[in-house]
Amino acid sequence: MNILSTMSSFEKSMIKTRQMEGIRVTQMISPEKYSGRKQNTKESTLKFLQKHSKAVSYLEKGMKGVEVSKLCDISLNTITKIKRKLQSELV
């Protein structure tokens, strides 16, 4: 059993090595691929709230985040972000 576990971990490390090598080659050929997630959105708070105006109206009516999420087909994290932005605008 110990031999199988050792072979498995070795194979996993080989797969990871080949994957990283492929990524490095791709980055050299076309740098826009595998560049990672872009940090900090450039979208203003107003534009963000306008984009999700339906969700904002439901939240202002007093509906719960889960309900709004299902009605608008928006993730719960986005609903939380909308709530945070609404709070910061009120302050």
PDB file of N, CA and C in Angstrom:
ATOM      1  N   MET A   1       0.826  -1.187   0.000  1.00  0.00           N
ATOM      2  CA  MET A   1       0.000   0.000   0.000  1.00  0.00           C
ATOM      3  C   MET A   1       0.873   1.254   0.000  1.00  0.00           C
ATOM      4  N   ASN A   2       1.965   1.192   0.727  1.00  0.00           N
ATOM      5  CA  ASN A   2       2.872   2.323   0.823  1.00  0.00           C
ATOM      6  C   ASN A   2       3.506   2.642  -0.531  1.00  0.00           C
ATOM      7  N   ILE A   3       3.800   1.595  -1.300  1.00  0.00           N
ATOM      8  CA  ILE A   3       4.403   1.784  -2.619  1.00  0.00           C
ATOM      9  C   ILE A   3       3.422   2.496  -3.549  1.00  0.00           C
ATOM     10  N   LEU A   4       2.147   2.091  -3.497  1.00  0.00           N
ATOM     11  CA  LEU A   4       1.133   2.730  -4.339  1.00  0.00           C
ATOM     12  C   LEU A   4       0.986   4.209  -4.006  1.00  0.00           C
ATOM     13  N   SER A   5       1.004   4.537  -2.738  1.00  0.00           N
ATOM     14  CA  SER A   5       0.873   5.931  -2.338  1.00  0.00           C
ATOM     15  C   SER A   5       2.069   6.749  -2.803  1.00  0.00           C
ATOM     16  N   THR A   6       3.258   6.181  -2.726  1.00  0.00           N
ATOM     17  CA  THR A   6       4.465   6.855  -3.190  1.00  0.00           C
ATOM     18  C   THR A   6       4.418   7.084  -4.698  1.00  0.00           C
ATOM     19  N   MET A   7       3.993   6.058  -5.435  1.00  0.00           N
ATOM     20  CA  MET A   7       3.884   6.184  -6.892  1.00  0.00           C
ATOM     21  C   MET A   7       2.836   7.229  -7.279  1.00  0.00           C
ATOM     22  N   SER A   8       1.748   7.247  -6.538  1.00  0.00           N
ATOM     23  CA  SER A   8       0.682   8.205  -6.804  1.00  0.00           C
ATOM     24  C   SER A   8       1.168   9.636  -6.609  1.00  0.00           C
ATOM     25  N   SER A   9       1.857   9.893  -5.513  1.00  0.00           N
ATOM     26  CA  SER A   9       2.346  11.249  -5.251  1.00  0.00           C
ATOM     27  C   SER A   9       3.418  11.645  -6.271  1.00  0.00           C
ATOM     28  N   PHE A  10       4.248  10.695  -6.696  1.00  0.00           N
ATOM     29  CA  PHE A  10       5.258  10.968  -7.719  1.00  0.00           C
ATOM     30  C   PHE A  10       4.583  11.340  -9.038  1.00  0.00           C
ATOM     31  N   GLU A  11       3.572  10.566  -9.426  1.00  0.00           N
ATOM     32  CA  GLU A  11       2.853  10.837 -10.670  1.00  0.00           C
ATOM     33  C   GLU A  11       2.166  12.194 -10.610  1.00  0.00           C
ATOM     34  N   LYS A  12       1.607  12.521  -9.465  1.00  0.00           N
ATOM     35  CA  LYS A  12       0.940  13.817  -9.290  1.00  0.00           C
ATOM     36  C   LYS A  12       1.939  14.962  -9.470  1.00  0.00           C
ATOM     37  N   SER A  13       3.123  14.803  -8.911  1.00  0.00           N
ATOM     38  CA  SER A  13       4.138  15.852  -9.052  1.00  0.00           C
ATOM     39  C   SER A  13       4.611  15.959 -10.499  1.00  0.00           C
ATOM     40  N   MET A  14       4.691  14.833 -11.211  1.00  0.00           N
ATOM     41  CA  MET A  14       5.085  14.868 -12.625  1.00  0.00           C
ATOM     42  C   MET A  14       4.030  15.582 -13.468  1.00  0.00           C
ATOM     43  N   ILE A  15       2.762  15.313 -13.181  1.00  0.00           N
ATOM     44  CA  ILE A  15       1.672  15.984 -13.902  1.00  0.00           C
ATOM     45  C   ILE A  15       1.753  17.485 -13.667  1.00  0.00           C
ATOM     46  N   LYS A  16       1.956  17.880 -12.420  1.00  0.00           N
ATOM     47  CA  LYS A  16       2.050  19.298 -12.068  1.00  0.00           C
ATOM     48  C   LYS A  16       3.234  19.959 -12.779  1.00  0.00           C
ATOM     49  N   THR A  17       4.363  19.256 -12.841  1.00  0.00           N
ATOM     50  CA  THR A  17       5.545  19.784 -13.510  1.00  0.00           C
ATOM     51  C   THR A  17       5.278  20.002 -14.994  1.00  0.00           C
ATOM     52  N   ARG A  18       4.654  19.003 -15.646  1.00  0.00           N
ATOM     53  CA  ARG A  18       4.347  19.139 -17.074  1.00  0.00           C
ATOM     54  C   ARG A  18       3.353  20.263 -17.320  1.00  0.00           C
ATOM     55  N   GLN A  19       2.378  20.397 -16.428  1.00  0.00           N
ATOM     56  CA  GLN A  19       1.386  21.451 -16.563  1.00  0.00           C
ATOM     57  C   GLN A  19       2.054  22.824 -16.462  1.00  0.00           C
ATOM     58  N   MET A  20       2.917  23.014 -15.465  1.00  0.00           N
ATOM     59  CA  MET A  20       3.593  24.299 -15.279  1.00  0.00           C
ATOM     60  C   MET A  20       4.509  24.609 -16.462  1.00  0.00           C
ATOM     61  N   GLU A  21       5.148  23.589 -17.017  1.00  0.00           N
ATOM     62  CA  GLU A  21       6.001  23.778 -18.188  1.00  0.00           C
ATOM     63  C   GLU A  21       5.167  24.260 -19.383  1.00  0.00           C
ATOM     64  N   GLY A  22       4.006  23.654 -19.576  1.00  0.00           N
ATOM     65  CA  GLY A  22       3.105  24.072 -20.653  1.00  0.00           C
ATOM     66  C   GLY A  22       2.619  25.491 -20.473  1.00  0.00           C
ATOM     67  N   ILE A  23       2.330  25.859 -19.242  1.00  0.00           N
ATOM     68  CA  ILE A  23       1.876  27.219 -18.962  1.00  0.00           C
ATOM     69  C   ILE A  23       2.991  28.217 -19.265  1.00  0.00           C
ATOM     70  N   ARG A  24       4.232  27.896 -18.869  1.00  0.00           N
ATOM     71  CA  ARG A  24       5.368  28.791 -19.131  1.00  0.00           C
ATOM     72  C   ARG A  24       5.580  28.994 -20.634  1.00  0.00           C
ATOM     73  N   VAL A  25       5.464  27.913 -21.401  1.00  0.00           N
ATOM     74  CA  VAL A  25       5.625  28.012 -22.855  1.00  0.00           C
ATOM     75  C   VAL A  25       4.528  28.889 -23.438  1.00  0.00           C
ATOM     76  N   THR A  26       3.297  28.690 -22.994  1.00  0.00           N
ATOM     77  CA  THR A  26       2.169  29.483 -23.478  1.00  0.00           C
ATOM     78  C   THR A  26       2.352  30.952 -23.121  1.00  0.00           C
ATOM     79  N   GLN A  27       2.850  31.244 -21.935  1.00  0.00           N
ATOM     80  CA  GLN A  27       3.073  32.631 -21.525  1.00  0.00           C
ATOM     81  C   GLN A  27       4.125  33.301 -22.402  1.00  0.00           C
ATOM     82  N   MET A  28       5.134  32.550 -22.817  1.00  0.00           N
ATOM     83  CA  MET A  28       6.165  33.126 -23.684  1.00  0.00           C
ATOM     84  C   MET A  28       5.617  33.391 -25.081  1.00  0.00           C
ATOM     85  N   ILE A  29       4.757  32.500 -25.578  1.00  0.00           N
ATOM     86  CA  ILE A  29       4.204  32.649 -26.925  1.00  0.00           C
ATOM     87  C   ILE A  29       3.156  33.763 -26.968  1.00  0.00           C
ATOM     88  N   SER A  30       2.201  33.714 -26.039  1.00  0.00           N
ATOM     89  CA  SER A  30       1.159  34.745 -25.990  1.00  0.00           C
ATOM     90  C   SER A  30       0.932  35.154 -24.531  1.00  0.00           C
ATOM     91  N   PRO A  31       1.533  36.266 -24.125  1.00  0.00           N
ATOM     92  CA  PRO A  31       1.511  36.679 -22.713  1.00  0.00           C
ATOM     93  C   PRO A  31       0.110  36.991 -22.155  1.00  0.00           C
ATOM     94  N   GLU A  32      -0.847  37.284 -23.029  1.00  0.00           N
ATOM     95  CA  GLU A  32      -2.186  37.612 -22.520  1.00  0.00           C
ATOM     96  C   GLU A  32      -2.896  36.405 -21.914  1.00  0.00           C
ATOM     97  N   LYS A  33      -2.484  35.207 -22.304  1.00  0.00           N
ATOM     98  CA  LYS A  33      -3.063  34.001 -21.698  1.00  0.00           C
ATOM     99  C   LYS A  33      -2.369  33.731 -20.377  1.00  0.00           C
ATOM    100  N   TYR A  34      -3.069  33.183 -19.441  1.00  0.00           N
ATOM    101  CA  TYR A  34      -2.544  32.872 -18.112  1.00  0.00           C
ATOM    102  C   TYR A  34      -1.964  34.097 -17.413  1.00  0.00           C
ATOM    103  N   SER A  35      -2.593  35.238 -17.652  1.00  0.00           N
ATOM    104  CA  SER A  35      -2.088  36.448 -17.003  1.00  0.00           C
ATOM    105  C   SER A  35      -2.685  36.613 -15.613  1.00  0.00           C
ATOM    106  N   GLY A  36      -3.663  35.806 -15.280  1.00  0.00           N
ATOM    107  CA  GLY A  36      -4.278  35.884 -13.958  1.00  0.00           C
ATOM    108  C   GLY A  36      -5.481  36.805 -13.952  1.00  0.00           C
ATOM    109  N   ARG A  37      -6.132  36.848 -12.826  1.00  0.00           N
ATOM    110  CA  ARG A  37      -7.335  37.656 -12.670  1.00  0.00           C
ATOM    111  C   ARG A  37      -6.946  39.120 -12.548  1.00  0.00           C
ATOM    112  N   LYS A  38      -7.652  39.973 -13.251  1.00  0.00           N
ATOM    113  CA  LYS A  38      -7.400  41.397 -13.150  1.00  0.00           C
ATOM    114  C   LYS A  38      -7.910  41.900 -11.807  1.00  0.00           C
ATOM    115  N   GLN A  39      -7.083  42.631 -11.111  1.00  0.00           N
ATOM    116  CA  GLN A  39      -7.431  43.117  -9.783  1.00  0.00           C
ATOM    117  C   GLN A  39      -8.160  44.455  -9.878  1.00  0.00           C
ATOM    118  N   ASN A  40      -9.034  44.681  -8.925  1.00  0.00           N
ATOM    119  CA  ASN A  40      -9.738  45.954  -8.765  1.00  0.00           C
ATOM    120  C   ASN A  40     -10.444  46.411 -10.034  1.00  0.00           C
ATOM    121  N   THR A  41     -11.722  46.296 -10.009  1.00  0.00           N
ATOM    122  CA  THR A  41     -12.531  46.688 -11.148  1.00  0.00           C
ATOM    123  C   THR A  41     -12.466  48.196 -11.362  1.00  0.00           C
ATOM    124  N   LYS A  42     -12.578  48.614 -12.585  1.00  0.00           N
ATOM    125  CA  LYS A  42     -12.547  50.037 -12.930  1.00  0.00           C
ATOM    126  C   LYS A  42     -13.953  50.631 -12.932  1.00  0.00           C
ATOM    127  N   GLU A  43     -14.943  49.771 -12.706  1.00  0.00           N
ATOM    128  CA  GLU A  43     -16.332  50.198 -12.760  1.00  0.00           C
ATOM    129  C   GLU A  43     -16.672  51.046 -11.534  1.00  0.00           C
ATOM    130  N   SER A  44     -17.307  52.181 -11.761  1.00  0.00           N
ATOM    131  CA  SER A  44     -17.666  53.046 -10.645  1.00  0.00           C
ATOM    132  C   SER A  44     -18.838  52.445  -9.865  1.00  0.00           C
ATOM    133  N   THR A  45     -19.004  52.921  -8.649  1.00  0.00           N
ATOM    134  CA  THR A  45     -20.098  52.433  -7.803  1.00  0.00           C
ATOM    135  C   THR A  45     -21.444  52.699  -8.453  1.00  0.00           C
ATOM    136  N   LEU A  46     -21.604  53.885  -9.007  1.00  0.00           N
ATOM    137  CA  LEU A  46     -22.869  54.248  -9.643  1.00  0.00           C
ATOM    138  C   LEU A  46     -23.188  53.335 -10.819  1.00  0.00           C
ATOM    139  N   LYS A  47     -22.195  53.082 -11.654  1.00  0.00           N
ATOM    140  CA  LYS A  47     -22.400  52.217 -12.818  1.00  0.00           C
ATOM    141  C   LYS A  47     -22.732  50.794 -12.374  1.00  0.00           C
ATOM    142  N   PHE A  48     -22.048  50.314 -11.325  1.00  0.00           N
ATOM    143  CA  PHE A  48     -22.299  48.976 -10.797  1.00  0.00           C
ATOM    144  C   PHE A  48     -23.739  48.854 -10.298  1.00  0.00           C
ATOM    145  N   LEU A  49     -24.195  49.862  -9.544  1.00  0.00           N
ATOM    146  CA  LEU A  49     -25.554  49.822  -9.011  1.00  0.00           C
ATOM    147  C   LEU A  49     -26.592  49.965 -10.116  1.00  0.00           C
ATOM    148  N   GLN A  50     -26.276  50.731 -11.167  1.00  0.00           N
ATOM    149  CA  GLN A  50     -27.200  50.847 -12.291  1.00  0.00           C
ATOM    150  C   GLN A  50     -27.317  49.523 -13.042  1.00  0.00           C
ATOM    151  N   LYS A  51     -26.199  48.826 -13.148  1.00  0.00           N
ATOM    152  CA  LYS A  51     -26.201  47.538 -13.844  1.00  0.00           C
ATOM    153  C   LYS A  51     -27.093  46.535 -13.115  1.00  0.00           C
ATOM    154  N   HIS A  52     -27.135  46.632 -11.786  1.00  0.00           N
ATOM    155  CA  HIS A  52     -27.932  45.715 -10.976  1.00  0.00           C
ATOM    156  C   HIS A  52     -29.131  46.446 -10.361  1.00  0.00           C
ATOM    157  N   SER A  53     -29.765  47.308 -11.145  1.00  0.00           N
ATOM    158  CA  SER A  53     -30.847  48.145 -10.625  1.00  0.00           C
ATOM    159  C   SER A  53     -32.047  47.327 -10.145  1.00  0.00           C
ATOM    160  N   LYS A  54     -32.322  46.219 -10.800  1.00  0.00           N
ATOM    161  CA  LYS A  54     -33.444  45.371 -10.396  1.00  0.00           C
ATOM    162  C   LYS A  54     -33.206  44.818  -8.993  1.00  0.00           C
ATOM    163  N   ALA A  55     -31.990  44.343  -8.755  1.00  0.00           N
ATOM    164  CA  ALA A  55     -31.638  43.816  -7.432  1.00  0.00           C
ATOM    165  C   ALA A  55     -31.691  44.920  -6.385  1.00  0.00           C
ATOM    166  N   VAL A  56     -31.233  46.114  -6.742  1.00  0.00           N
ATOM    167  CA  VAL A  56     -31.255  47.243  -5.811  1.00  0.00           C
ATOM    168  C   VAL A  56     -32.694  47.568  -5.415  1.00  0.00           C
ATOM    169  N   SER A  57     -33.603  47.577  -6.380  1.00  0.00           N
ATOM    170  CA  SER A  57     -34.996  47.892  -6.071  1.00  0.00           C
ATOM    171  C   SER A  57     -35.616  46.837  -5.149  1.00  0.00           C
ATOM    172  N   TYR A  58     -35.296  45.567  -5.393  1.00  0.00           N
ATOM    173  CA  TYR A  58     -35.807  44.509  -4.517  1.00  0.00           C
ATOM    174  C   TYR A  58     -35.260  44.658  -3.099  1.00  0.00           C
ATOM    175  N   LEU A  59     -33.973  44.978  -2.985  1.00  0.00           N
ATOM    176  CA  LEU A  59     -33.365  45.138  -1.660  1.00  0.00           C
ATOM    177  C   LEU A  59     -33.956  46.340  -0.920  1.00  0.00           C
ATOM    178  N   GLU A  60     -34.233  47.400  -1.659  1.00  0.00           N
ATOM    179  CA  GLU A  60     -34.826  48.587  -1.032  1.00  0.00           C
ATOM    180  C   GLU A  60     -36.248  48.324  -0.562  1.00  0.00           C
ATOM    181  N   LYS A  61     -36.923  47.359  -1.197  1.00  0.00           N
ATOM    182  CA  LYS A  61     -38.267  46.984  -0.766  1.00  0.00           C
ATOM    183  C   LYS A  61     -38.232  46.127   0.491  1.00  0.00           C
ATOM    184  N   GLY A  62     -37.035  45.679   0.879  1.00  0.00           N
ATOM    185  CA  GLY A  62     -36.898  44.907   2.106  1.00  0.00           C
ATOM    186  C   GLY A  62     -36.810  43.407   1.913  1.00  0.00           C
ATOM    187  N   MET A  63     -36.629  42.971   0.686  1.00  0.00           N
ATOM    188  CA  MET A  63     -36.510  41.535   0.440  1.00  0.00           C
ATOM    189  C   MET A  63     -35.162  41.030   0.933  1.00  0.00           C
ATOM    190  N   LYS A  64     -35.116  39.747   1.254  1.00  0.00           N
ATOM    191  CA  LYS A  64     -33.874  39.134   1.723  1.00  0.00           C
ATOM    192  C   LYS A  64     -32.925  38.902   0.551  1.00  0.00           C
ATOM    193  N   GLY A  65     -31.634  38.827   0.876  1.00  0.00           N
ATOM    194  CA  GLY A  65     -30.618  38.640  -0.151  1.00  0.00           C
ATOM    195  C   GLY A  65     -30.781  37.363  -0.939  1.00  0.00           C
ATOM    196  N   VAL A  66     -31.157  36.280  -0.273  1.00  0.00           N
ATOM    197  CA  VAL A  66     -31.324  34.991  -0.949  1.00  0.00           C
ATOM    198  C   VAL A  66     -32.456  35.065  -1.962  1.00  0.00           C
ATOM    199  N   GLU A  67     -33.553  35.733  -1.573  1.00  0.00           N
ATOM    200  CA  GLU A  67     -34.692  35.876  -2.482  1.00  0.00           C
ATOM    201  C   GLU A  67     -34.301  36.688  -3.709  1.00  0.00           C
ATOM    202  N   VAL A  68     -33.603  37.789  -3.479  1.00  0.00           N
ATOM    203  CA  VAL A  68     -33.179  38.655  -4.577  1.00  0.00           C
ATOM    204  C   VAL A  68     -32.219  37.904  -5.491  1.00  0.00           C
ATOM    205  N   SER A  69     -31.340  37.116  -4.887  1.00  0.00           N
ATOM    206  CA  SER A  69     -30.383  36.337  -5.655  1.00  0.00           C
ATOM    207  C   SER A  69     -31.092  35.398  -6.616  1.00  0.00           C
ATOM    208  N   LYS A  70     -32.127  34.732  -6.143  1.00  0.00           N
ATOM    209  CA  LYS A  70     -32.870  33.795  -6.982  1.00  0.00           C
ATOM    210  C   LYS A  70     -33.686  34.521  -8.047  1.00  0.00           C
ATOM    211  N   LEU A  71     -34.317  35.646  -7.676  1.00  0.00           N
ATOM    212  CA  LEU A  71     -35.143  36.381  -8.623  1.00  0.00           C
ATOM    213  C   LEU A  71     -34.324  36.988  -9.760  1.00  0.00           C
ATOM    214  N   CYS A  72     -33.171  37.533  -9.428  1.00  0.00           N
ATOM    215  CA  CYS A  72     -32.348  38.235 -10.418  1.00  0.00           C
ATOM    216  C   CYS A  72     -31.283  37.350 -11.049  1.00  0.00           C
ATOM    217  N   ASP A  73     -31.179  36.124 -10.558  1.00  0.00           N
ATOM    218  CA  ASP A  73     -30.165  35.186 -11.040  1.00  0.00           C
ATOM    219  C   ASP A  73     -28.763  35.782 -10.904  1.00  0.00           C
ATOM    220  N   ILE A  74     -28.501  36.292  -9.692  1.00  0.00           N
ATOM    221  CA  ILE A  74     -27.209  36.883  -9.341  1.00  0.00           C
ATOM    222  C   ILE A  74     -26.687  36.106  -8.137  1.00  0.00           C
ATOM    223  N   SER A  75     -25.372  35.949  -8.066  1.00  0.00           N
ATOM    224  CA  SER A  75     -24.803  35.219  -6.941  1.00  0.00           C
ATOM    225  C   SER A  75     -25.005  35.983  -5.637  1.00  0.00           C
ATOM    226  N   LEU A  76     -24.993  35.254  -4.553  1.00  0.00           N
ATOM    227  CA  LEU A  76     -25.171  35.855  -3.232  1.00  0.00           C
ATOM    228  C   LEU A  76     -24.024  36.801  -2.901  1.00  0.00           C
ATOM    229  N   ASN A  77     -22.821  36.508  -3.387  1.00  0.00           N
ATOM    230  CA  ASN A  77     -21.688  37.404  -3.171  1.00  0.00           C
ATOM    231  C   ASN A  77     -21.926  38.762  -3.835  1.00  0.00           C
ATOM    232  N   THR A  78     -22.530  38.760  -5.024  1.00  0.00           N
ATOM    233  CA  THR A  78     -22.832  40.018  -5.707  1.00  0.00           C
ATOM    234  C   THR A  78     -23.891  40.795  -4.936  1.00  0.00           C
ATOM    235  N   ILE A  79     -24.879  40.095  -4.390  1.00  0.00           N
ATOM    236  CA  ILE A  79     -25.907  40.757  -3.581  1.00  0.00           C
ATOM    237  C   ILE A  79     -25.267  41.418  -2.366  1.00  0.00           C
ATOM    238  N   THR A  80     -24.340  40.725  -1.722  1.00  0.00           N
ATOM    239  CA  THR A  80     -23.641  41.281  -0.572  1.00  0.00           C
ATOM    240  C   THR A  80     -22.846  42.516  -0.988  1.00  0.00           C
ATOM    241  N   LYS A  81     -22.219  42.465  -2.146  1.00  0.00           N
ATOM    242  CA  LYS A  81     -21.458  43.611  -2.654  1.00  0.00           C
ATOM    243  C   LYS A  81     -22.390  44.794  -2.921  1.00  0.00           C
ATOM    244  N   ILE A  82     -23.574  44.517  -3.467  1.00  0.00           N
ATOM    245  CA  ILE A  82     -24.558  45.572  -3.717  1.00  0.00           C
ATOM    246  C   ILE A  82     -24.972  46.212  -2.399  1.00  0.00           C
ATOM    247  N   LYS A  83     -25.244  45.377  -1.383  1.00  0.00           N
ATOM    248  CA  LYS A  83     -25.632  45.903  -0.069  1.00  0.00           C
ATOM    249  C   LYS A  83     -24.543  46.802   0.504  1.00  0.00           C
ATOM    250  N   ARG A  84     -23.283  46.354   0.384  1.00  0.00           N
ATOM    251  CA  ARG A  84     -22.152  47.136   0.897  1.00  0.00           C
ATOM    252  C   ARG A  84     -22.055  48.484   0.187  1.00  0.00           C
ATOM    253  N   LYS A  85     -22.214  48.464  -1.124  1.00  0.00           N
ATOM    254  CA  LYS A  85     -22.130  49.713  -1.903  1.00  0.00           C
ATOM    255  C   LYS A  85     -23.283  50.646  -1.556  1.00  0.00           C
ATOM    256  N   LEU A  86     -24.471  50.083  -1.340  1.00  0.00           N
ATOM    257  CA  LEU A  86     -25.610  50.913  -0.941  1.00  0.00           C
ATOM    258  C   LEU A  86     -25.369  51.561   0.435  1.00  0.00           C
ATOM    259  N   GLN A  87     -24.805  50.789   1.361  1.00  0.00           N
ATOM    260  CA  GLN A  87     -24.488  51.323   2.696  1.00  0.00           C
ATOM    261  C   GLN A  87     -23.466  52.454   2.602  1.00  0.00           C
ATOM    262  N   SER A  88     -22.432  52.257   1.779  1.00  0.00           N
ATOM    263  CA  SER A  88     -21.389  53.279   1.684  1.00  0.00           C
ATOM    264  C   SER A  88     -21.909  54.550   1.027  1.00  0.00           C
ATOM    265  N   GLU A  89     -22.915  54.427   0.140  1.00  0.00           N
ATOM    266  CA  GLU A  89     -23.494  55.622  -0.475  1.00  0.00           C
ATOM    267  C   GLU A  89     -24.380  56.384   0.495  1.00  0.00           C
ATOM    268  N   LEU A  90     -25.001  55.665   1.432  1.00  0.00           N
ATOM    269  CA  LEU A  90     -25.863  56.331   2.405  1.00  0.00           C
ATOM    270  C   LEU A  90     -25.053  57.112   3.450  1.00  0.00           C
ATOM    271  N   VAL A  91     -23.852  56.648   3.714  1.00  0.00           N
ATOM    272  CA  VAL A  91     -23.010  57.282   4.731  1.00  0.00           C
ATOM    273  C   VAL A  91     -22.345  58.509   4.234  1.00  0.00           C
TER     274      VAL A  91
END
